[in-house]
Amino acid sequence: MTVDEMMAGRPEGLPRALRALWHDAHGDWNAAHEAAQVEEFGDCAWVHAYLHRKEGDVGNAGYWYGRAGKPVFRGSLEDEWRFIAESLLS
């Protein structure tokens, strides 16, 4: 599945982290956060970090990057969203 195919579909059936990204891209930060916060490690923690970075909560984002074992992303939010989505889909 490509990012474009994911975005053209519905979130049902997507893994939780991708579902969170789908909701975020469709303008529903709260649904994205709800999906991401269910798991406190791995892919969901990575998306959770991105969501808090987007929210402007740098400290909380840093915590979740640590939980995910990922460095803080230094590019734009749009670039980070795409990077995470492509990584999770590969």
PDB file of N, CA and C in Angstrom:
ATOM      1  N   MET A   1       0.848  -1.176   0.000  1.00  0.00           N
ATOM      2  CA  MET A   1       0.000   0.000   0.000  1.00  0.00           C
ATOM      3  C   MET A   1       0.896   1.243   0.000  1.00  0.00           C
ATOM      4  N   THR A   2       0.504   2.237  -0.774  1.00  0.00           N
ATOM      5  CA  THR A   2       1.220   3.509  -0.803  1.00  0.00           C
ATOM      6  C   THR A   2       0.532   4.496   0.137  1.00  0.00           C
ATOM      7  N   VAL A   3       1.199   5.604   0.401  1.00  0.00           N
ATOM      8  CA  VAL A   3       0.607   6.658   1.225  1.00  0.00           C
ATOM      9  C   VAL A   3      -0.667   7.169   0.566  1.00  0.00           C
ATOM     10  N   ASP A   4      -0.628   7.381  -0.745  1.00  0.00           N
ATOM     11  CA  ASP A   4      -1.814   7.878  -1.449  1.00  0.00           C
ATOM     12  C   ASP A   4      -2.978   6.896  -1.347  1.00  0.00           C
ATOM     13  N   GLU A   5      -2.697   5.613  -1.473  1.00  0.00           N
ATOM     14  CA  GLU A   5      -3.751   4.605  -1.337  1.00  0.00           C
ATOM     15  C   GLU A   5      -4.315   4.596   0.080  1.00  0.00           C
ATOM     16  N   MET A   6      -3.429   4.728   1.064  1.00  0.00           N
ATOM     17  CA  MET A   6      -3.879   4.774   2.450  1.00  0.00           C
ATOM     18  C   MET A   6      -4.804   5.964   2.671  1.00  0.00           C
ATOM     19  N   MET A   7      -4.427   7.107   2.141  1.00  0.00           N
ATOM     20  CA  MET A   7      -5.202   8.326   2.349  1.00  0.00           C
ATOM     21  C   MET A   7      -6.534   8.295   1.609  1.00  0.00           C
ATOM     22  N   ALA A   8      -6.602   7.568   0.509  1.00  0.00           N
ATOM     23  CA  ALA A   8      -7.840   7.493  -0.267  1.00  0.00           C
ATOM     24  C   ALA A   8      -8.857   6.550   0.365  1.00  0.00           C
ATOM     25  N   GLY A   9      -8.376   5.664   1.242  1.00  0.00           N
ATOM     26  CA  GLY A   9      -9.263   4.692   1.865  1.00  0.00           C
ATOM     27  C   GLY A   9      -9.821   5.179   3.188  1.00  0.00           C
ATOM     28  N   ARG A  10     -10.331   4.253   3.938  1.00  0.00           N
ATOM     29  CA  ARG A  10     -10.886   4.519   5.265  1.00  0.00           C
ATOM     30  C   ARG A  10      -9.905   3.990   6.312  1.00  0.00           C
ATOM     31  N   PRO A  11      -9.960   4.503   7.535  1.00  0.00           N
ATOM     32  CA  PRO A  11      -8.991   4.086   8.546  1.00  0.00           C
ATOM     33  C   PRO A  11      -9.240   2.700   9.132  1.00  0.00           C
ATOM     34  N   GLU A  12     -10.452   2.190   9.005  1.00  0.00           N
ATOM     35  CA  GLU A  12     -10.745   0.875   9.557  1.00  0.00           C
ATOM     36  C   GLU A  12      -9.832  -0.165   8.915  1.00  0.00           C
ATOM     37  N   GLY A  13      -9.273  -1.018   9.727  1.00  0.00           N
ATOM     38  CA  GLY A  13      -8.403  -2.063   9.220  1.00  0.00           C
ATOM     39  C   GLY A  13      -6.935  -1.674   9.157  1.00  0.00           C
ATOM     40  N   LEU A  14      -6.643  -0.390   9.271  1.00  0.00           N
ATOM     41  CA  LEU A  14      -5.241   0.030   9.298  1.00  0.00           C
ATOM     42  C   LEU A  14      -4.649  -0.277  10.670  1.00  0.00           C
ATOM     43  N   PRO A  15      -3.358  -0.586  10.725  1.00  0.00           N
ATOM     44  CA  PRO A  15      -2.717  -0.692  12.033  1.00  0.00           C
ATOM     45  C   PRO A  15      -2.898   0.628  12.800  1.00  0.00           C
ATOM     46  N   ARG A  16      -2.924   0.538  14.107  1.00  0.00           N
ATOM     47  CA  ARG A  16      -3.250   1.683  14.955  1.00  0.00           C
ATOM     48  C   ARG A  16      -2.408   2.929  14.644  1.00  0.00           C
ATOM     49  N   ALA A  17      -1.102   2.790  14.453  1.00  0.00           N
ATOM     50  CA  ALA A  17      -0.250   3.957  14.189  1.00  0.00           C
ATOM     51  C   ALA A  17      -0.624   4.617  12.865  1.00  0.00           C
ATOM     52  N   LEU A  18      -0.881   3.823  11.840  1.00  0.00           N
ATOM     53  CA  LEU A  18      -1.299   4.385  10.552  1.00  0.00           C
ATOM     54  C   LEU A  18      -2.689   5.002  10.647  1.00  0.00           C
ATOM     55  N   ARG A  19      -3.559   4.402  11.434  1.00  0.00           N
ATOM     56  CA  ARG A  19      -4.889   4.971  11.648  1.00  0.00           C
ATOM     57  C   ARG A  19      -4.767   6.358  12.291  1.00  0.00           C
ATOM     58  N   ALA A  20      -3.849   6.490  13.237  1.00  0.00           N
ATOM     59  CA  ALA A  20      -3.624   7.791  13.875  1.00  0.00           C
ATOM     60  C   ALA A  20      -3.146   8.817  12.850  1.00  0.00           C
ATOM     61  N   LEU A  21      -2.219   8.430  11.988  1.00  0.00           N
ATOM     62  CA  LEU A  21      -1.748   9.349  10.945  1.00  0.00           C
ATOM     63  C   LEU A  21      -2.873   9.716   9.992  1.00  0.00           C
ATOM     64  N   TRP A  22      -3.714   8.748   9.647  1.00  0.00           N
ATOM     65  CA  TRP A  22      -4.849   9.007   8.760  1.00  0.00           C
ATOM     66  C   TRP A  22      -5.756  10.071   9.371  1.00  0.00           C
ATOM     67  N   HIS A  23      -6.107   9.903  10.639  1.00  0.00           N
ATOM     68  CA  HIS A  23      -6.983  10.879  11.306  1.00  0.00           C
ATOM     69  C   HIS A  23      -6.320  12.255  11.363  1.00  0.00           C
ATOM     70  N   ASP A  24      -5.034  12.287  11.657  1.00  0.00           N
ATOM     71  CA  ASP A  24      -4.331  13.571  11.703  1.00  0.00           C
ATOM     72  C   ASP A  24      -4.391  14.266  10.350  1.00  0.00           C
ATOM     73  N   ALA A  25      -4.125  13.528   9.292  1.00  0.00           N
ATOM     74  CA  ALA A  25      -4.138  14.118   7.947  1.00  0.00           C
ATOM     75  C   ALA A  25      -5.531  14.576   7.541  1.00  0.00           C
ATOM     76  N   HIS A  26      -6.551  13.990   8.143  1.00  0.00           N
ATOM     77  CA  HIS A  26      -7.928  14.386   7.857  1.00  0.00           C
ATOM     78  C   HIS A  26      -8.450  15.409   8.870  1.00  0.00           C
ATOM     79  N   GLY A  27      -7.539  16.024   9.611  1.00  0.00           N
ATOM     80  CA  GLY A  27      -7.894  17.145  10.475  1.00  0.00           C
ATOM     81  C   GLY A  27      -8.472  16.798  11.827  1.00  0.00           C
ATOM     82  N   ASP A  28      -8.347  15.550  12.259  1.00  0.00           N
ATOM     83  CA  ASP A  28      -8.898  15.160  13.558  1.00  0.00           C
ATOM     84  C   ASP A  28      -7.767  14.756  14.498  1.00  0.00           C
ATOM     85  N   TRP A  29      -7.110  15.773  15.083  1.00  0.00           N
ATOM     86  CA  TRP A  29      -5.983  15.534  15.989  1.00  0.00           C
ATOM     87  C   TRP A  29      -6.422  14.681  17.172  1.00  0.00           C
ATOM     88  N   ASN A  30      -7.602  14.934  17.715  1.00  0.00           N
ATOM     89  CA  ASN A  30      -8.060  14.189  18.891  1.00  0.00           C
ATOM     90  C   ASN A  30      -8.218  12.699  18.600  1.00  0.00           C
ATOM     91  N   ALA A  31      -8.808  12.353  17.465  1.00  0.00           N
ATOM     92  CA  ALA A  31      -8.940  10.935  17.098  1.00  0.00           C
ATOM     93  C   ALA A  31      -7.560  10.327  16.854  1.00  0.00           C
ATOM     94  N   ALA A  32      -6.664  11.105  16.259  1.00  0.00           N
ATOM     95  CA  ALA A  32      -5.298  10.631  16.030  1.00  0.00           C
ATOM     96  C   ALA A  32      -4.613  10.346  17.359  1.00  0.00           C
ATOM     97  N   HIS A  33      -4.735  11.269  18.290  1.00  0.00           N
ATOM     98  CA  HIS A  33      -4.107  11.112  19.597  1.00  0.00           C
ATOM     99  C   HIS A  33      -4.697   9.915  20.337  1.00  0.00           C
ATOM    100  N   GLU A  34      -5.996   9.766  20.267  1.00  0.00           N
ATOM    101  CA  GLU A  34      -6.657   8.634  20.923  1.00  0.00           C
ATOM    102  C   GLU A  34      -6.137   7.308  20.375  1.00  0.00           C
ATOM    103  N   ALA A  35      -5.971   7.218  19.065  1.00  0.00           N
ATOM    104  CA  ALA A  35      -5.468   5.984  18.455  1.00  0.00           C
ATOM    105  C   ALA A  35      -4.019   5.722  18.847  1.00  0.00           C
ATOM    106  N   ALA A  36      -3.203   6.771  18.859  1.00  0.00           N
ATOM    107  CA  ALA A  36      -1.772   6.603  19.120  1.00  0.00           C
ATOM    108  C   ALA A  36      -1.468   6.292  20.577  1.00  0.00           C
ATOM    109  N   GLN A  37      -2.255   6.825  21.494  1.00  0.00           N
ATOM    110  CA  GLN A  37      -1.892   6.698  22.907  1.00  0.00           C
ATOM    111  C   GLN A  37      -2.245   5.343  23.525  1.00  0.00           C
ATOM    112  N   VAL A  38      -2.887   4.478  22.767  1.00  0.00           N
ATOM    113  CA  VAL A  38      -3.262   3.168  23.300  1.00  0.00           C
ATOM    114  C   VAL A  38      -2.031   2.316  23.596  1.00  0.00           C
ATOM    115  N   GLU A  39      -1.017   2.415  22.752  1.00  0.00           N
ATOM    116  CA  GLU A  39       0.224   1.660  22.951  1.00  0.00           C
ATOM    117  C   GLU A  39       1.331   2.642  23.312  1.00  0.00           C
ATOM    118  N   GLU A  40       2.146   2.293  24.291  1.00  0.00           N
ATOM    119  CA  GLU A  40       3.160   3.217  24.797  1.00  0.00           C
ATOM    120  C   GLU A  40       4.560   2.916  24.274  1.00  0.00           C
ATOM    121  N   PHE A  41       4.662   2.262  23.148  1.00  0.00           N
ATOM    122  CA  PHE A  41       5.969   1.891  22.606  1.00  0.00           C
ATOM    123  C   PHE A  41       5.857   1.759  21.097  1.00  0.00           C
ATOM    124  N   GLY A  42       6.984   1.594  20.446  1.00  0.00           N
ATOM    125  CA  GLY A  42       7.025   1.300  19.023  1.00  0.00           C
ATOM    126  C   GLY A  42       6.394   2.350  18.130  1.00  0.00           C
ATOM    127  N   ASP A  43       5.685   1.880  17.123  1.00  0.00           N
ATOM    128  CA  ASP A  43       5.127   2.758  16.094  1.00  0.00           C
ATOM    129  C   ASP A  43       4.142   3.769  16.666  1.00  0.00           C
ATOM    130  N   CYS A  44       3.311   3.336  17.596  1.00  0.00           N
ATOM    131  CA  CYS A  44       2.341   4.271  18.184  1.00  0.00           C
ATOM    132  C   CYS A  44       3.048   5.367  18.975  1.00  0.00           C
ATOM    133  N   ALA A  45       4.107   5.016  19.682  1.00  0.00           N
ATOM    134  CA  ALA A  45       4.863   6.031  20.420  1.00  0.00           C
ATOM    135  C   ALA A  45       5.490   7.032  19.453  1.00  0.00           C
ATOM    136  N   TRP A  46       5.937   6.563  18.308  1.00  0.00           N
ATOM    137  CA  TRP A  46       6.533   7.442  17.297  1.00  0.00           C
ATOM    138  C   TRP A  46       5.499   8.437  16.784  1.00  0.00           C
ATOM    139  N   VAL A  47       4.316   7.948  16.450  1.00  0.00           N
ATOM    140  CA  VAL A  47       3.246   8.838  15.984  1.00  0.00           C
ATOM    141  C   VAL A  47       2.805   9.763  17.116  1.00  0.00           C
ATOM    142  N   HIS A  48       2.761   9.244  18.327  1.00  0.00           N
ATOM    143  CA  HIS A  48       2.395  10.047  19.490  1.00  0.00           C
ATOM    144  C   HIS A  48       3.377  11.216  19.641  1.00  0.00           C
ATOM    145  N   ALA A  49       4.660  10.944  19.448  1.00  0.00           N
ATOM    146  CA  ALA A  49       5.674  12.003  19.511  1.00  0.00           C
ATOM    147  C   ALA A  49       5.410  13.073  18.461  1.00  0.00           C
ATOM    148  N   TYR A  50       5.169  12.641  17.233  1.00  0.00           N
ATOM    149  CA  TYR A  50       4.865  13.581  16.149  1.00  0.00           C
ATOM    150  C   TYR A  50       3.653  14.444  16.510  1.00  0.00           C
ATOM    151  N   LEU A  51       2.608  13.825  17.036  1.00  0.00           N
ATOM    152  CA  LEU A  51       1.387  14.572  17.364  1.00  0.00           C
ATOM    153  C   LEU A  51       1.648  15.643  18.422  1.00  0.00           C
ATOM    154  N   HIS A  52       2.460  15.324  19.422  1.00  0.00           N
ATOM    155  CA  HIS A  52       2.768  16.333  20.441  1.00  0.00           C
ATOM    156  C   HIS A  52       3.706  17.406  19.895  1.00  0.00           C
ATOM    157  N   ARG A  53       4.582  17.030  18.980  1.00  0.00           N
ATOM    158  CA  ARG A  53       5.407  18.046  18.314  1.00  0.00           C
ATOM    159  C   ARG A  53       4.506  18.986  17.520  1.00  0.00           C
ATOM    160  N   LYS A  54       3.543  18.443  16.821  1.00  0.00           N
ATOM    161  CA  LYS A  54       2.602  19.255  16.048  1.00  0.00           C
ATOM    162  C   LYS A  54       1.810  20.180  16.964  1.00  0.00           C
ATOM    163  N   GLU A  55       1.455  19.681  18.121  1.00  0.00           N
ATOM    164  CA  GLU A  55       0.693  20.448  19.101  1.00  0.00           C
ATOM    165  C   GLU A  55       1.539  21.563  19.721  1.00  0.00           C
ATOM    166  N   GLY A  56       2.856  21.438  19.611  1.00  0.00           N
ATOM    167  CA  GLY A  56       3.753  22.426  20.196  1.00  0.00           C
ATOM    168  C   GLY A  56       4.250  22.057  21.580  1.00  0.00           C
ATOM    169  N   ASP A  57       3.946  20.850  22.029  1.00  0.00           N
ATOM    170  CA  ASP A  57       4.371  20.372  23.343  1.00  0.00           C
ATOM    171  C   ASP A  57       5.695  19.620  23.180  1.00  0.00           C
ATOM    172  N   VAL A  58       6.772  20.395  23.099  1.00  0.00           N
ATOM    173  CA  VAL A  58       8.090  19.840  22.781  1.00  0.00           C
ATOM    174  C   VAL A  58       8.565  18.850  23.844  1.00  0.00           C
ATOM    175  N   GLY A  59       8.338  19.172  25.109  1.00  0.00           N
ATOM    176  CA  GLY A  59       8.772  18.278  26.178  1.00  0.00           C
ATOM    177  C   GLY A  59       8.088  16.923  26.109  1.00  0.00           C
ATOM    178  N   ASN A  60       6.787  16.922  25.930  1.00  0.00           N
ATOM    179  CA  ASN A  60       6.033  15.679  25.826  1.00  0.00           C
ATOM    180  C   ASN A  60       6.433  14.920  24.560  1.00  0.00           C
ATOM    181  N   ALA A  61       6.642  15.650  23.472  1.00  0.00           N
ATOM    182  CA  ALA A  61       7.097  15.011  22.236  1.00  0.00           C
ATOM    183  C   ALA A  61       8.427  14.302  22.472  1.00  0.00           C
ATOM    184  N   GLY A  62       9.349  14.975  23.157  1.00  0.00           N
ATOM    185  CA  GLY A  62      10.648  14.379  23.441  1.00  0.00           C
ATOM    186  C   GLY A  62      10.535  13.080  24.216  1.00  0.00           C
ATOM    187  N   TYR A  63       9.637  13.059  25.181  1.00  0.00           N
ATOM    188  CA  TYR A  63       9.396  11.838  25.952  1.00  0.00           C
ATOM    189  C   TYR A  63       8.971  10.698  25.023  1.00  0.00           C
ATOM    190  N   TRP A  64       8.032  10.981  24.115  1.00  0.00           N
ATOM    191  CA  TRP A  64       7.511   9.932  23.236  1.00  0.00           C
ATOM    192  C   TRP A  64       8.517   9.517  22.174  1.00  0.00           C
ATOM    193  N   TYR A  65       9.358  10.456  21.693  1.00  0.00           N
ATOM    194  CA  TYR A  65      10.438  10.039  20.788  1.00  0.00           C
ATOM    195  C   TYR A  65      11.342   9.040  21.510  1.00  0.00           C
ATOM    196  N   GLY A  66      11.624   9.320  22.778  1.00  0.00           N
ATOM    197  CA  GLY A  66      12.438   8.399  23.567  1.00  0.00           C
ATOM    198  C   GLY A  66      11.783   7.037  23.711  1.00  0.00           C
ATOM    199  N   ARG A  67      10.488   7.010  23.993  1.00  0.00           N
ATOM    200  CA  ARG A  67       9.758   5.745  24.120  1.00  0.00           C
ATOM    201  C   ARG A  67       9.797   4.961  22.808  1.00  0.00           C
ATOM    202  N   ALA A  68       9.770   5.704  21.697  1.00  0.00           N
ATOM    203  CA  ALA A  68       9.785   5.062  20.375  1.00  0.00           C
ATOM    204  C   ALA A  68      11.189   4.667  19.936  1.00  0.00           C
ATOM    205  N   GLY A  69      12.212   5.184  20.631  1.00  0.00           N
ATOM    206  CA  GLY A  69      13.586   4.921  20.215  1.00  0.00           C
ATOM    207  C   GLY A  69      13.958   5.657  18.944  1.00  0.00           C
ATOM    208  N   LYS A  70      13.338   6.819  18.734  1.00  0.00           N
ATOM    209  CA  LYS A  70      13.562   7.611  17.519  1.00  0.00           C
ATOM    210  C   LYS A  70      14.121   8.976  17.892  1.00  0.00           C
ATOM    211  N   PRO A  71      14.959   9.552  17.028  1.00  0.00           N
ATOM    212  CA  PRO A  71      15.434  10.918  17.282  1.00  0.00           C
ATOM    213  C   PRO A  71      14.327  11.927  16.979  1.00  0.00           C
ATOM    214  N   VAL A  72      14.419  13.083  17.605  1.00  0.00           N
ATOM    215  CA  VAL A  72      13.481  14.169  17.303  1.00  0.00           C
ATOM    216  C   VAL A  72      13.677  14.560  15.846  1.00  0.00           C
ATOM    217  N   PHE A  73      12.594  14.635  15.105  1.00  0.00           N
ATOM    218  CA  PHE A  73      12.653  14.976  13.683  1.00  0.00           C
ATOM    219  C   PHE A  73      12.990  16.454  13.546  1.00  0.00           C
ATOM    220  N   ARG A  74      13.877  16.800  12.635  1.00  0.00           N
ATOM    221  CA  ARG A  74      14.330  18.188  12.477  1.00  0.00           C
ATOM    222  C   ARG A  74      13.724  18.905  11.281  1.00  0.00           C
ATOM    223  N   GLY A  75      12.923  18.233  10.493  1.00  0.00           N
ATOM    224  CA  GLY A  75      12.305  18.857   9.328  1.00  0.00           C
ATOM    225  C   GLY A  75      10.923  19.396   9.646  1.00  0.00           C
ATOM    226  N   SER A  76      10.168  19.665   8.602  1.00  0.00           N
ATOM    227  CA  SER A  76       8.814  20.198   8.762  1.00  0.00           C
ATOM    228  C   SER A  76       7.877  19.101   9.273  1.00  0.00           C
ATOM    229  N   LEU A  77       6.753  19.522   9.804  1.00  0.00           N
ATOM    230  CA  LEU A  77       5.738  18.560  10.247  1.00  0.00           C
ATOM    231  C   LEU A  77       5.234  17.722   9.077  1.00  0.00           C
ATOM    232  N   GLU A  78       5.058  18.369   7.929  1.00  0.00           N
ATOM    233  CA  GLU A  78       4.594  17.643   6.746  1.00  0.00           C
ATOM    234  C   GLU A  78       5.599  16.567   6.331  1.00  0.00           C
ATOM    235  N   ASP A  79       6.885  16.934   6.360  1.00  0.00           N
ATOM    236  CA  ASP A  79       7.920  15.961   6.001  1.00  0.00           C
ATOM    237  C   ASP A  79       7.968  14.814   7.010  1.00  0.00           C
ATOM    238  N   GLU A  80       7.793  15.150   8.288  1.00  0.00           N
ATOM    239  CA  GLU A  80       7.808  14.095   9.300  1.00  0.00           C
ATOM    240  C   GLU A  80       6.620  13.154   9.120  1.00  0.00           C
ATOM    241  N   TRP A  81       5.441  13.708   8.880  1.00  0.00           N
ATOM    242  CA  TRP A  81       4.254  12.874   8.688  1.00  0.00           C
ATOM    243  C   TRP A  81       4.505  11.880   7.551  1.00  0.00           C
ATOM    244  N   ARG A  82       5.005  12.389   6.424  1.00  0.00           N
ATOM    245  CA  ARG A  82       5.241  11.526   5.263  1.00  0.00           C
ATOM    246  C   ARG A  82       6.334  10.498   5.562  1.00  0.00           C
ATOM    247  N   PHE A  83       7.388  10.916   6.241  1.00  0.00           N
ATOM    248  CA  PHE A  83       8.476  10.001   6.579  1.00  0.00           C
ATOM    249  C   PHE A  83       7.969   8.850   7.446  1.00  0.00           C
ATOM    250  N   ILE A  84       7.176   9.183   8.462  1.00  0.00           N
ATOM    251  CA  ILE A  84       6.631   8.133   9.328  1.00  0.00           C
ATOM    252  C   ILE A  84       5.709   7.219   8.526  1.00  0.00           C
ATOM    253  N   ALA A  85       4.795   7.800   7.765  1.00  0.00           N
ATOM    254  CA  ALA A  85       3.843   6.995   6.991  1.00  0.00           C
ATOM    255  C   ALA A  85       4.573   6.059   6.035  1.00  0.00           C
ATOM    256  N   GLU A  86       5.538   6.582   5.293  1.00  0.00           N
ATOM    257  CA  GLU A  86       6.271   5.743   4.340  1.00  0.00           C
ATOM    258  C   GLU A  86       7.052   4.650   5.057  1.00  0.00           C
ATOM    259  N   SER A  87       7.633   4.984   6.200  1.00  0.00           N
ATOM    260  CA  SER A  87       8.380   3.987   6.970  1.00  0.00           C
ATOM    261  C   SER A  87       7.468   2.868   7.458  1.00  0.00           C
ATOM    262  N   LEU A  88       6.286   3.233   7.940  1.00  0.00           N
ATOM    263  CA  LEU A  88       5.361   2.226   8.464  1.00  0.00           C
ATOM    264  C   LEU A  88       4.733   1.384   7.358  1.00  0.00           C
ATOM    265  N   LEU A  89       4.626   1.938   6.176  1.00  0.00           N
ATOM    266  CA  LEU A  89       4.038   1.203   5.053  1.00  0.00           C
ATOM    267  C   LEU A  89       5.048   0.320   4.321  1.00  0.00           C
ATOM    268  N   SER A  90       6.328   0.536   4.570  1.00  0.00           N
ATOM    269  CA  SER A  90       7.342  -0.234   3.827  1.00  0.00           C
ATOM    270  C   SER A  90       7.575  -1.608   4.432  1.00  0.00           C
TER     271      SER A  90
END
